[in-house]
Protein backbone atom coordinates (compact mmCIF):
# COMPACT_ATOMS: atom_id res chain seq x y z
CA MET A 1 -32.32 -90.79 87.11
CA PRO A 2 -34.89 -93.57 87.34
CA SER A 3 -38.12 -92.50 89.06
CA ASP A 4 -38.03 -95.60 91.06
CA LEU A 5 -35.29 -94.18 93.36
CA SER A 6 -35.95 -93.24 96.93
CA PRO A 7 -36.87 -89.66 97.47
CA ALA A 8 -33.40 -89.06 98.89
CA TYR A 9 -32.08 -89.57 95.20
CA ARG A 10 -34.37 -87.12 93.81
CA LYS A 11 -32.82 -83.94 93.29
CA PRO A 12 -35.01 -80.83 94.69
CA SER A 13 -34.75 -77.49 93.00
CA TYR A 14 -33.78 -76.06 96.21
CA CYS A 15 -31.05 -76.43 98.94
CA GLU A 16 -32.48 -78.34 101.68
CA LEU A 17 -30.76 -76.26 104.43
CA CYS A 18 -31.14 -72.90 103.40
CA GLY A 19 -34.07 -73.23 100.93
CA ARG A 20 -32.50 -71.19 98.18
CA ASP A 21 -33.32 -72.20 94.65
CA GLN A 22 -31.75 -71.73 91.16
CA LEU A 23 -28.42 -72.94 92.52
CA LYS A 24 -26.17 -75.80 91.50
CA LEU A 25 -26.67 -78.38 94.21
CA THR A 26 -24.40 -80.90 95.61
CA ARG A 27 -24.94 -84.37 96.97
CA HIS A 28 -24.07 -84.60 100.67
CA HIS A 29 -23.98 -88.28 102.10
CA LEU A 30 -25.69 -87.71 105.60
CA ILE A 31 -23.66 -90.83 106.73
CA PRO A 32 -20.21 -89.99 105.21
CA LYS A 33 -18.79 -92.75 102.90
CA VAL A 34 -15.55 -92.88 104.71
CA THR A 35 -17.52 -94.30 107.82
CA HIS A 36 -19.27 -96.88 105.72
CA ARG A 37 -16.67 -99.74 106.54
CA LYS A 38 -16.46 -99.10 110.17
CA LYS A 39 -17.99 -101.57 112.50
CA ARG A 40 -19.70 -98.86 114.54
CA THR A 41 -21.27 -97.36 111.61
CA ARG A 42 -22.34 -100.83 110.14
CA LYS A 43 -24.04 -101.54 113.66
CA GLN A 44 -26.02 -98.30 113.66
CA HIS A 45 -27.07 -97.92 110.10
CA SER A 46 -28.34 -100.50 107.58
CA ARG A 47 -26.64 -100.94 104.25
CA GLU A 48 -29.46 -99.06 102.53
CA ALA A 49 -29.36 -96.19 105.03
CA MET A 50 -26.18 -95.56 104.30
CA LEU A 51 -26.32 -95.52 100.56
CA GLN A 52 -29.59 -93.67 100.35
CA SER A 53 -29.24 -90.95 103.20
CA ILE A 54 -28.35 -88.03 100.98
CA ALA A 55 -29.20 -84.22 101.10
CA TRP A 56 -28.99 -81.89 98.24
CA LEU A 57 -27.16 -78.77 99.37
CA CYS A 58 -25.89 -75.56 97.73
CA ARG A 59 -22.02 -75.42 97.84
CA PRO A 60 -21.98 -72.92 101.01
CA CYS A 61 -24.13 -74.93 103.18
CA HIS A 62 -22.32 -78.10 102.35
CA ALA A 63 -19.11 -76.49 103.15
CA GLN A 64 -20.27 -75.01 106.43
CA ILE A 65 -21.33 -78.61 107.41
CA HIS A 66 -17.85 -79.89 106.94
CA LEU A 67 -16.43 -77.18 108.68
CA VAL A 68 -18.43 -77.59 111.76
CA LEU A 69 -18.75 -81.36 112.13
CA THR A 70 -16.36 -84.35 111.60
CA ASN A 71 -17.34 -87.34 109.68
CA GLN A 72 -17.71 -89.34 112.87
CA GLN A 73 -20.15 -86.79 114.32
CA MET A 74 -22.35 -86.71 111.13
CA SER A 75 -22.21 -90.71 110.95
CA GLU A 76 -23.16 -91.05 114.73
CA GLN A 77 -25.51 -88.06 115.51
CA PHE A 78 -26.15 -85.74 112.54
CA HIS A 79 -27.39 -88.10 109.88
CA SER A 80 -30.65 -86.05 108.73
CA VAL A 81 -31.20 -82.82 107.61
CA GLU A 82 -33.41 -82.05 110.71
CA ALA A 83 -30.27 -83.03 112.99
CA LEU A 84 -28.16 -80.71 110.85
CA LYS A 85 -30.40 -77.78 111.55
CA ALA A 86 -30.33 -78.51 115.11
CA VAL A 87 -26.66 -77.36 115.16
CA PRO A 88 -26.69 -73.67 116.02
CA GLU A 89 -23.52 -73.08 113.85
CA ILE A 90 -25.19 -74.64 110.93
CA ASP A 91 -28.73 -73.29 111.47
CA LYS A 92 -27.48 -69.66 112.05
CA PHE A 93 -25.30 -69.99 108.85
CA ALA A 94 -28.26 -71.46 106.87
CA GLN A 95 -30.45 -68.51 107.82
CA TRP A 96 -28.13 -65.95 107.21
CA VAL A 97 -27.05 -67.32 103.50
CA ALA A 98 -30.65 -67.59 102.86
CA LYS A 99 -30.98 -64.03 102.65
CA ARG A 100 -28.08 -63.53 100.03
CA PRO A 101 -28.18 -63.78 96.27
CA ALA A 102 -27.31 -66.93 94.53
CA GLY A 103 -24.12 -65.75 92.98
CA LEU A 104 -22.47 -64.66 96.30
CA LYS A 105 -19.10 -65.95 97.03
CA VAL A 106 -19.20 -67.01 100.65
CA THR A 107 -15.97 -67.25 102.58
CA HIS A 108 -16.09 -69.66 105.39
CA ARG A 109 -14.12 -68.95 108.88
CA ARG A 110 -13.78 -71.21 111.67
CA GLY A 111 -15.00 -69.89 115.00
């Protein structure tokens, strides 16, 4: 990727939620792409913010976010890593998984 991209596009070496490294990271759109065409989303966020608001997450953390929050909730309230960490179910999971080895298969359950 070119170096002139915003910091959000630069892939870190660690998960931005749990902090584990040496994992395959996935790109999580903090403002879900399925909400980009909604009037409410376009009023709340600029086009640049919608395209550049990205978090790099390990697969377990990414799955936990989508298990706990709806796309609408992410778009309206939880569109930053700090906001995601403020959600108790996500923060508790991230702290738990941070202590686990990289190769561990994590099973998610609805609470």
